[in-house]
Amino acid sequence: QLEKDGNKGRAKKMYTETEPSLKELNFAQSLLMATGSNDEGLQVEKTLALKTEITKAIARMQTAIAVYIKSDEKNFGQPVKLLEPKLKAALSQHGCSFTPEPGKADWQLTVEASTRKGAEIDGIYFSYLDVAVSLVEYRTGKEIYSNNFTDIKGGGLDYKTAGRKAYDAGLQSITNEIMKSLEK
């Protein structure tokens, strides 16, 4: 059903998780046949047909999920690309590819991020990052993941440097949250 719904990542994971069970079943059937048990009750042919079907499905799932990223990242009003490349790297490790054309994507990842001034204490400037992230499956329009990350703090010798540090500070938690959502 997941495959039919276009959820390639989860479908592939479920197919892959069945492989060890099929190996155990095949081994058990081999032991029963070796001991001279009744072959009719073993349903070896059905097991082989199921294993073939799962192998074919996993091969179909090898085609990566295509993601279109729409990113609007600003550090005190200046456009930057600090989250997008890191998110691409993390998603590619989970079987995603990327397309510049929304019409060719399975998912759209939208990232809106901006920094704002915090305090200045003894020559150390603090900035805060606010990020809104949304992952939508194109075909169904279903939002797979959505979250707001606020008040991610960074410090530096000026506000812009502090803003970049805030982006660095938020990157890992944002990436981890998206990955957890995809693995469910």
Protein backbone atom coordinates (compact mmCIF):
# COMPACT_ATOMS: atom_id res chain seq x y z
CA GLN A 1 0.00 0.00 0.00
CA LEU A 2 2.86 2.39 0.81
CA GLU A 3 4.33 1.81 -2.65
CA LYS A 4 0.96 2.53 -4.30
CA ASP A 5 0.65 5.71 -2.25
CA GLY A 6 4.03 6.89 -3.57
CA ASN A 7 5.84 6.58 -0.24
CA LYS A 8 8.94 4.92 -1.68
CA GLY A 9 11.17 5.38 1.35
CA ARG A 10 8.89 3.68 3.84
CA ALA A 11 7.87 0.99 1.35
CA LYS A 12 11.50 0.09 0.66
CA LYS A 13 12.20 -0.05 4.39
CA MET A 14 9.31 -2.45 4.98
CA TYR A 15 10.27 -4.66 2.04
CA THR A 16 13.86 -4.79 3.26
CA GLU A 17 12.74 -5.70 6.78
CA THR A 18 10.97 -8.83 5.45
CA GLU A 19 14.12 -10.31 3.89
CA PRO A 20 15.53 -11.82 7.14
CA SER A 21 12.19 -13.50 7.88
CA LEU A 22 12.13 -15.06 4.42
CA LYS A 23 15.67 -16.38 4.92
CA GLU A 24 14.63 -17.96 8.22
CA LEU A 25 11.55 -19.49 6.59
CA ASN A 26 13.63 -20.87 3.74
CA PHE A 27 16.11 -22.38 6.20
CA ALA A 28 13.30 -23.94 8.26
CA GLN A 29 11.73 -25.41 5.14
CA SER A 30 15.10 -26.84 4.10
CA LEU A 31 15.50 -28.51 7.50
CA LEU A 32 12.03 -30.02 7.31
CA MET A 33 12.70 -31.35 3.80
CA ALA A 34 16.04 -32.80 4.93
CA THR A 35 14.32 -34.68 7.74
CA GLY A 36 11.85 -36.18 5.27
CA SER A 37 8.79 -34.19 6.33
CA ASN A 38 5.81 -33.93 4.01
CA ASP A 39 6.77 -31.51 1.23
CA GLU A 40 3.14 -30.64 0.44
CA GLY A 41 2.64 -28.67 3.66
CA LEU A 42 5.83 -26.64 3.24
CA GLN A 43 4.61 -24.38 0.41
CA VAL A 44 8.16 -23.84 -0.88
CA GLU A 45 6.89 -22.53 -4.22
CA LYS A 46 4.81 -19.84 -2.50
CA THR A 47 7.80 -18.78 -0.43
CA LEU A 48 10.00 -18.51 -3.54
CA ALA A 49 7.31 -16.54 -5.38
CA LEU A 50 7.00 -14.14 -2.44
CA LYS A 51 10.78 -13.72 -2.21
CA THR A 52 10.91 -12.95 -5.96
CA GLU A 53 8.11 -10.41 -5.60
CA ILE A 54 9.88 -8.67 -2.71
CA THR A 55 13.20 -8.61 -4.60
CA LYS A 56 11.49 -6.99 -7.58
CA ALA A 57 9.77 -4.44 -5.32
CA ILE A 58 13.07 -3.49 -3.68
CA ALA A 59 14.57 -3.00 -7.14
CA ARG A 60 11.65 -0.68 -8.02
CA MET A 61 12.27 1.25 -4.81
CA GLN A 62 15.93 1.82 -5.71
CA THR A 63 14.90 4.79 -7.79
CA ALA A 64 15.49 7.68 -5.44
CA ILE A 65 12.74 9.89 -4.13
CA ALA A 66 13.01 13.18 -6.03
CA VAL A 67 12.91 16.25 -3.79
CA TYR A 68 12.42 19.86 -4.83
CA ILE A 69 13.82 22.29 -2.25
CA LYS A 70 12.37 25.76 -1.91
CA SER A 71 14.66 27.60 0.47
CA ASP A 72 14.50 31.21 1.65
CA GLU A 73 17.36 31.73 4.09
CA LYS A 74 18.43 35.16 5.29
CA ASN A 75 21.09 36.38 7.67
CA PHE A 76 19.93 39.87 8.64
CA GLY A 77 18.16 40.36 5.34
CA GLN A 78 21.03 39.05 3.19
CA PRO A 79 20.29 35.84 1.23
CA VAL A 80 22.41 32.86 2.31
CA LYS A 81 22.40 29.12 1.61
CA LEU A 82 23.53 27.63 4.90
CA LEU A 83 20.85 25.00 5.60
CA GLU A 84 19.93 23.81 2.11
CA PRO A 85 23.24 22.12 1.19
CA LYS A 86 23.41 20.31 4.54
CA LEU A 87 19.80 19.17 4.30
CA LYS A 88 20.49 17.86 0.80
CA ALA A 89 23.47 15.90 2.09
CA ALA A 90 21.42 14.35 4.90
CA LEU A 91 18.45 13.50 2.67
CA SER A 92 20.70 11.98 -0.01
CA GLN A 93 21.96 9.52 2.60
CA HIS A 94 18.31 8.43 2.99
CA GLY A 95 17.83 7.67 -0.69
CA CYS A 96 16.71 11.06 -1.98
CA SER A 97 17.76 12.83 -5.15
CA PHE A 98 17.08 16.46 -6.02
CA THR A 99 15.45 18.21 -8.92
CA PRO A 100 15.31 21.89 -9.84
CA GLU A 101 11.88 21.31 -11.40
CA PRO A 102 8.93 21.06 -9.00
CA GLY A 103 6.89 19.05 -11.51
CA LYS A 104 9.43 16.21 -11.43
CA ALA A 105 9.54 15.95 -7.64
CA ASP A 106 7.94 13.41 -5.33
CA TRP A 107 8.32 15.77 -2.35
CA GLN A 108 8.78 19.50 -1.78
CA LEU A 109 10.91 20.64 1.14
CA THR A 110 10.27 24.26 2.08
CA VAL A 111 12.69 26.04 4.39
CA GLU A 112 12.20 29.60 5.61
CA ALA A 113 14.92 30.89 7.92
CA SER A 114 15.95 34.28 9.22
CA THR A 115 18.10 35.73 11.95
CA ARG A 116 17.41 38.58 14.36
CA LYS A 117 19.47 40.57 16.81
CA GLY A 118 19.90 39.53 20.39
CA ALA A 119 21.97 41.15 23.09
CA GLU A 120 25.54 42.44 23.07
CA ILE A 121 27.53 41.67 26.19
CA ASP A 122 31.14 42.80 26.59
CA GLY A 123 31.79 42.84 22.84
CA ILE A 124 30.12 39.46 22.20
CA TYR A 125 27.04 39.74 19.98
CA PHE A 126 24.19 37.27 20.08
CA SER A 127 21.78 36.50 17.26
CA TYR A 128 18.78 34.22 17.05
CA LEU A 129 17.66 32.01 14.21
CA ASP A 130 14.03 31.12 13.48
CA VAL A 131 13.32 28.35 10.97
CA ALA A 132 10.09 26.94 9.53
CA VAL A 133 10.39 23.60 7.73
CA SER A 134 7.72 21.73 5.78
CA LEU A 135 7.94 18.53 3.74
CA VAL A 136 4.97 17.84 1.45
CA GLU A 137 4.31 14.86 -0.78
CA TYR A 138 3.46 16.35 -4.19
CA ARG A 139 1.14 13.64 -5.44
CA THR A 140 -1.20 13.67 -2.45
CA GLY A 141 -0.52 17.14 -1.09
CA LYS A 142 -0.05 15.50 2.32
CA GLU A 143 2.35 17.22 4.69
CA ILE A 144 4.80 14.57 5.85
CA TYR A 145 6.70 16.81 8.24
CA SER A 146 6.34 20.32 9.63
CA ASN A 147 8.13 22.10 12.44
CA ASN A 148 9.18 25.53 13.65
CA PHE A 149 12.52 26.01 15.32
CA THR A 150 12.82 29.29 17.21
CA ASP A 151 15.39 31.15 19.25
CA ILE A 152 18.40 29.13 18.08
CA LYS A 153 21.25 31.13 19.57
CA GLY A 154 24.64 31.99 18.11
CA GLY A 155 27.40 34.26 19.35
CA GLY A 156 30.20 36.12 17.60
CA LEU A 157 32.17 39.32 17.21
CA ASP A 158 29.30 40.94 15.29
CA TYR A 159 25.63 40.22 14.66
CA LYS A 160 26.16 38.67 11.20
CA THR A 161 28.83 36.28 12.48
CA ALA A 162 26.57 35.41 15.39
CA GLY A 163 23.77 34.76 12.88
CA ARG A 164 25.94 32.32 10.94
CA LYS A 165 26.81 30.57 14.22
CA ALA A 166 23.09 30.29 14.98
CA TYR A 167 22.61 28.58 11.58
CA ASP A 168 25.41 26.16 12.49
CA ALA A 169 23.86 25.52 15.92
CA GLY A 170 20.44 24.75 14.47
CA LEU A 171 21.52 22.61 11.57
CA GLN A 172 22.00 19.34 13.43
CA SER A 173 18.72 19.45 15.34
CA ILE A 174 16.75 20.42 12.23
CA THR A 175 18.34 17.65 10.18
CA ASN A 176 17.81 15.07 12.95
CA GLU A 177 14.13 15.96 13.32
CA ILE A 178 13.47 15.64 9.58
CA MET A 179 15.30 12.30 9.42
CA LYS A 180 13.32 10.93 12.41
CA SER A 181 10.11 11.88 10.65
CA LEU A 182 11.11 10.11 7.44
CA GLU A 183 12.10 6.92 9.23
CA LYS A 184 8.66 6.46 10.82
